[in-house]
PDB file of N, CA and C in Angstrom:
ATOM      1  N   MET A   1      48.402 133.465 142.608  1.00  0.00           N
ATOM      2  CA  MET A   1      47.044 133.698 142.990  1.00  0.00           C
ATOM      3  C   MET A   1      47.047 134.395 144.345  1.00  0.00           C
ATOM      4  N   ASP A   2      46.293 135.448 144.452  1.00  0.00           N
ATOM      5  CA  ASP A   2      46.207 136.172 145.715  1.00  0.00           C
ATOM      6  C   ASP A   2      45.089 135.599 146.575  1.00  0.00           C
ATOM      7  N   CYS A   3      45.323 135.563 147.863  1.00  0.00           N
ATOM      8  CA  CYS A   3      44.313 135.132 148.826  1.00  0.00           C
ATOM      9  C   CYS A   3      43.828 136.347 149.584  1.00  0.00           C
ATOM     10  N   VAL A   4      42.519 136.480 149.684  1.00  0.00           N
ATOM     11  CA  VAL A   4      41.913 137.605 150.375  1.00  0.00           C
ATOM     12  C   VAL A   4      41.060 137.042 151.503  1.00  0.00           C
ATOM     13  N   PRO A   5      41.269 137.501 152.743  1.00  0.00           N
ATOM     14  CA  PRO A   5      40.478 136.988 153.861  1.00  0.00           C
ATOM     15  C   PRO A   5      38.981 137.119 153.593  1.00  0.00           C
ATOM     16  N   GLY A   6      38.243 136.038 153.839  1.00  0.00           N
ATOM     17  CA  GLY A   6      36.801 136.053 153.669  1.00  0.00           C
ATOM     18  C   GLY A   6      36.325 135.866 152.238  1.00  0.00           C
ATOM     19  N   ARG A   7      37.236 135.655 151.309  1.00  0.00           N
ATOM     20  CA  ARG A   7      36.849 135.493 149.903  1.00  0.00           C
ATOM     21  C   ARG A   7      37.450 134.207 149.344  1.00  0.00           C
ATOM     22  N   SER A   8      36.619 133.384 148.731  1.00  0.00           N
ATOM     23  CA  SER A   8      37.103 132.145 148.120  1.00  0.00           C
ATOM     24  C   SER A   8      37.704 132.449 146.757  1.00  0.00           C
ATOM     25  N   THR A   9      38.788 131.776 146.448  1.00  0.00           N
ATOM     26  CA  THR A   9      39.410 131.916 145.136  1.00  0.00           C
ATOM     27  C   THR A   9      39.597 130.529 144.545  1.00  0.00           C
ATOM     28  N   HIS A  10      39.716 130.458 143.226  1.00  0.00           N
ATOM     29  CA  HIS A  10      39.939 129.171 142.583  1.00  0.00           C
ATOM     30  C   HIS A  10      40.819 129.359 141.359  1.00  0.00           C
ATOM     31  N   HIS A  11      41.383 128.271 140.929  1.00  0.00           N
ATOM     32  CA  HIS A  11      42.256 128.285 139.761  1.00  0.00           C
ATOM     33  C   HIS A  11      42.233 126.891 139.152  1.00  0.00           C
ATOM     34  N   THR A  12      42.221 126.809 137.839  1.00  0.00           N
ATOM     35  CA  THR A  12      42.220 125.518 137.162  1.00  0.00           C
ATOM     36  C   THR A  12      43.642 125.086 136.851  1.00  0.00           C
ATOM     37  N   LEU A  13      43.979 123.878 137.277  1.00  0.00           N
ATOM     38  CA  LEU A  13      45.287 123.287 136.998  1.00  0.00           C
ATOM     39  C   LEU A  13      45.077 121.959 136.291  1.00  0.00           C
ATOM     40  N   TYR A  14      45.988 121.600 135.430  1.00  0.00           N
ATOM     41  CA  TYR A  14      45.959 120.283 134.793  1.00  0.00           C
ATOM     42  C   TYR A  14      47.154 119.502 135.318  1.00  0.00           C
ATOM     43  N   ILE A  15      46.869 118.455 136.106  1.00  0.00           N
ATOM     44  CA  ILE A  15      47.902 117.685 136.786  1.00  0.00           C
ATOM     45  C   ILE A  15      47.819 116.238 136.305  1.00  0.00           C
ATOM     46  N   ASP A  16      48.957 115.637 136.028  1.00  0.00           N
ATOM     47  CA  ASP A  16      48.999 114.278 135.487  1.00  0.00           C
ATOM     48  C   ASP A  16      48.656 113.188 136.498  1.00  0.00           C
ATOM     49  N   ASN A  17      48.967 113.389 137.763  1.00  0.00           N
ATOM     50  CA  ASN A  17      48.766 112.351 138.780  1.00  0.00           C
ATOM     51  C   ASN A  17      47.813 112.837 139.858  1.00  0.00           C
ATOM     52  N   ILE A  18      46.829 111.991 140.216  1.00  0.00           N
ATOM     53  CA  ILE A  18      45.905 112.371 141.276  1.00  0.00           C
ATOM     54  C   ILE A  18      46.614 112.292 142.623  1.00  0.00           C
ATOM     55  N   GLY A  19      46.091 113.024 143.591  1.00  0.00           N
ATOM     56  CA  GLY A  19      46.668 113.020 144.931  1.00  0.00           C
ATOM     57  C   GLY A  19      46.687 114.414 145.520  1.00  0.00           C
ATOM     58  N   PHE A  20      47.362 114.550 146.632  1.00  0.00           N
ATOM     59  CA  PHE A  20      47.492 115.839 147.303  1.00  0.00           C
ATOM     60  C   PHE A  20      48.868 116.424 147.028  1.00  0.00           C
ATOM     61  N   TYR A  21      48.897 117.716 146.795  1.00  0.00           N
ATOM     62  CA  TYR A  21      50.146 118.443 146.581  1.00  0.00           C
ATOM     63  C   TYR A  21      50.181 119.582 147.597  1.00  0.00           C
ATOM     64  N   TYR A  22      51.337 119.793 148.181  1.00  0.00           N
ATOM     65  CA  TYR A  22      51.470 120.787 149.245  1.00  0.00           C
ATOM     66  C   TYR A  22      52.452 121.875 148.852  1.00  0.00           C
ATOM     67  N   GLY A  23      52.189 123.075 149.335  1.00  0.00           N
ATOM     68  CA  GLY A  23      53.074 124.195 149.054  1.00  0.00           C
ATOM     69  C   GLY A  23      53.049 125.178 150.211  1.00  0.00           C
ATOM     70  N   GLN A  24      53.659 126.305 149.993  1.00  0.00           N
ATOM     71  CA  GLN A  24      53.782 127.332 151.023  1.00  0.00           C
ATOM     72  C   GLN A  24      53.603 128.694 150.379  1.00  0.00           C
ATOM     73  N   CYS A  25      53.157 129.660 151.146  1.00  0.00           N
ATOM     74  CA  CYS A  25      53.011 131.027 150.655  1.00  0.00           C
ATOM     75  C   CYS A  25      54.340 131.489 150.052  1.00  0.00           C
ATOM     76  N   ALA A  26      54.275 132.089 148.868  1.00  0.00           N
ATOM     77  CA  ALA A  26      55.500 132.448 148.154  1.00  0.00           C
ATOM     78  C   ALA A  26      55.715 133.948 148.015  1.00  0.00           C
ATOM     79  N   GLU A  27      54.859 134.757 148.614  1.00  0.00           N
ATOM     80  CA  GLU A  27      55.081 136.198 148.565  1.00  0.00           C
ATOM     81  C   GLU A  27      54.729 136.800 149.915  1.00  0.00           C
ATOM     82  N   ILE A  28      55.320 137.909 150.213  1.00  0.00           N
ATOM     83  CA  ILE A  28      55.047 138.566 151.493  1.00  0.00           C
ATOM     84  C   ILE A  28      53.708 139.274 151.356  1.00  0.00           C
ATOM     85  N   CYS A  29      52.667 138.592 151.809  1.00  0.00           N
ATOM     86  CA  CYS A  29      51.312 139.093 151.606  1.00  0.00           C
ATOM     87  C   CYS A  29      50.718 139.697 152.876  1.00  0.00           C
ATOM     88  N   GLY A  30      51.434 139.637 153.951  1.00  0.00           N
ATOM     89  CA  GLY A  30      50.923 140.195 155.190  1.00  0.00           C
ATOM     90  C   GLY A  30      51.528 139.504 156.393  1.00  0.00           C
ATOM     91  N   ARG A  31      50.986 139.827 157.527  1.00  0.00           N
ATOM     92  CA  ARG A  31      51.478 139.268 158.776  1.00  0.00           C
ATOM     93  C   ARG A  31      51.316 137.751 158.791  1.00  0.00           C
ATOM     94  N   TYR A  32      52.326 137.059 159.222  1.00  0.00           N
ATOM     95  CA  TYR A  32      52.343 135.594 159.329  1.00  0.00           C
ATOM     96  C   TYR A  32      52.194 134.884 157.984  1.00  0.00           C
ATOM     97  N   HIS A  33      52.604 135.528 156.902  1.00  0.00           N
ATOM     98  CA  HIS A  33      52.460 134.907 155.587  1.00  0.00           C
ATOM     99  C   HIS A  33      53.195 133.578 155.501  1.00  0.00           C
ATOM    100  N   HIS A  34      54.254 133.421 156.262  1.00  0.00           N
ATOM    101  CA  HIS A  34      55.029 132.182 156.222  1.00  0.00           C
ATOM    102  C   HIS A  34      54.307 131.022 156.906  1.00  0.00           C
ATOM    103  N   HIS A  35      53.159 131.289 157.517  1.00  0.00           N
ATOM    104  CA  HIS A  35      52.362 130.235 158.149  1.00  0.00           C
ATOM    105  C   HIS A  35      51.128 129.892 157.308  1.00  0.00           C
ATOM    106  N   MET A  36      51.137 130.255 156.025  1.00  0.00           N
ATOM    107  CA  MET A  36      49.986 129.993 155.159  1.00  0.00           C
ATOM    108  C   MET A  36      50.288 128.830 154.229  1.00  0.00           C
ATOM    109  N   PRO A  37      49.969 127.610 154.645  1.00  0.00           N
ATOM    110  CA  PRO A  37      50.223 126.455 153.782  1.00  0.00           C
ATOM    111  C   PRO A  37      49.182 126.377 152.666  1.00  0.00           C
ATOM    112  N   VAL A  38      49.541 125.691 151.604  1.00  0.00           N
ATOM    113  CA  VAL A  38      48.662 125.481 150.457  1.00  0.00           C
ATOM    114  C   VAL A  38      48.514 123.979 150.259  1.00  0.00           C
ATOM    115  N   ARG A  39      47.286 123.521 150.050  1.00  0.00           N
ATOM    116  CA  ARG A  39      47.053 122.113 149.730  1.00  0.00           C
ATOM    117  C   ARG A  39      46.156 122.040 148.500  1.00  0.00           C
ATOM    118  N   VAL A  40      46.597 121.284 147.501  1.00  0.00           N
ATOM    119  CA  VAL A  40      45.828 121.071 146.281  1.00  0.00           C
ATOM    120  C   VAL A  40      45.414 119.609 146.239  1.00  0.00           C
ATOM    121  N   CYS A  41      44.139 119.362 146.043  1.00  0.00           N
ATOM    122  CA  CYS A  41      43.628 118.001 145.904  1.00  0.00           C
ATOM    123  C   CYS A  41      43.369 117.759 144.423  1.00  0.00           C
ATOM    124  N   ALA A  42      44.198 116.941 143.782  1.00  0.00           N
ATOM    125  CA  ALA A  42      44.060 116.635 142.357  1.00  0.00           C
ATOM    126  C   ALA A  42      43.167 115.409 142.196  1.00  0.00           C
ATOM    127  N   LEU A  43      42.054 115.583 141.484  1.00  0.00           N
ATOM    128  CA  LEU A  43      41.091 114.512 141.257  1.00  0.00           C
ATOM    129  C   LEU A  43      41.066 114.142 139.782  1.00  0.00           C
ATOM    130  N   PRO A  44      40.613 112.922 139.455  1.00  0.00           N
ATOM    131  CA  PRO A  44      40.526 112.545 138.047  1.00  0.00           C
ATOM    132  C   PRO A  44      39.454 113.365 137.332  1.00  0.00           C
ATOM    133  N   TYR A  45      39.644 113.583 136.053  1.00  0.00           N
ATOM    134  CA  TYR A  45      38.714 114.376 135.241  1.00  0.00           C
ATOM    135  C   TYR A  45      37.289 113.831 135.347  1.00  0.00           C
ATOM    136  N   GLU A  46      37.146 112.521 135.377  1.00  0.00           N
ATOM    137  CA  GLU A  46      35.832 111.888 135.426  1.00  0.00           C
ATOM    138  C   GLU A  46      35.042 112.287 136.671  1.00  0.00           C
ATOM    139  N   HIS A  47      35.722 112.696 137.701  1.00  0.00           N
ATOM    140  CA  HIS A  47      35.066 113.118 138.937  1.00  0.00           C
ATOM    141  C   HIS A  47      34.140 114.313 138.696  1.00  0.00           C
ATOM    142  N   PHE A  48      34.445 115.123 137.709  1.00  0.00           N
ATOM    143  CA  PHE A  48      33.690 116.347 137.450  1.00  0.00           C
ATOM    144  C   PHE A  48      32.614 116.177 136.389  1.00  0.00           C
ATOM    145  N   MET A  49      32.523 114.994 135.790  1.00  0.00           N
ATOM    146  CA  MET A  49      31.510 114.740 134.767  1.00  0.00           C
ATOM    147  C   MET A  49      30.173 114.442 135.440  1.00  0.00           C
ATOM    148  N   LEU A  50      29.120 115.047 134.949  1.00  0.00           N
ATOM    149  CA  LEU A  50      27.782 114.825 135.528  1.00  0.00           C
ATOM    150  C   LEU A  50      27.079 113.692 134.833  1.00  0.00           C
TER     151      LEU A  50
END
């Protein structure tokens, strides 16, 4: 997934366990790309039911 300054992006993931998952920028996308951490907050499916 590409990140563009000033633009929100989203992606749907199906994760078995709730919690926080952390990652790091994996492509050379620009200056200081190695300082771009990623945090995913996995919530239960029921959280999204209205």
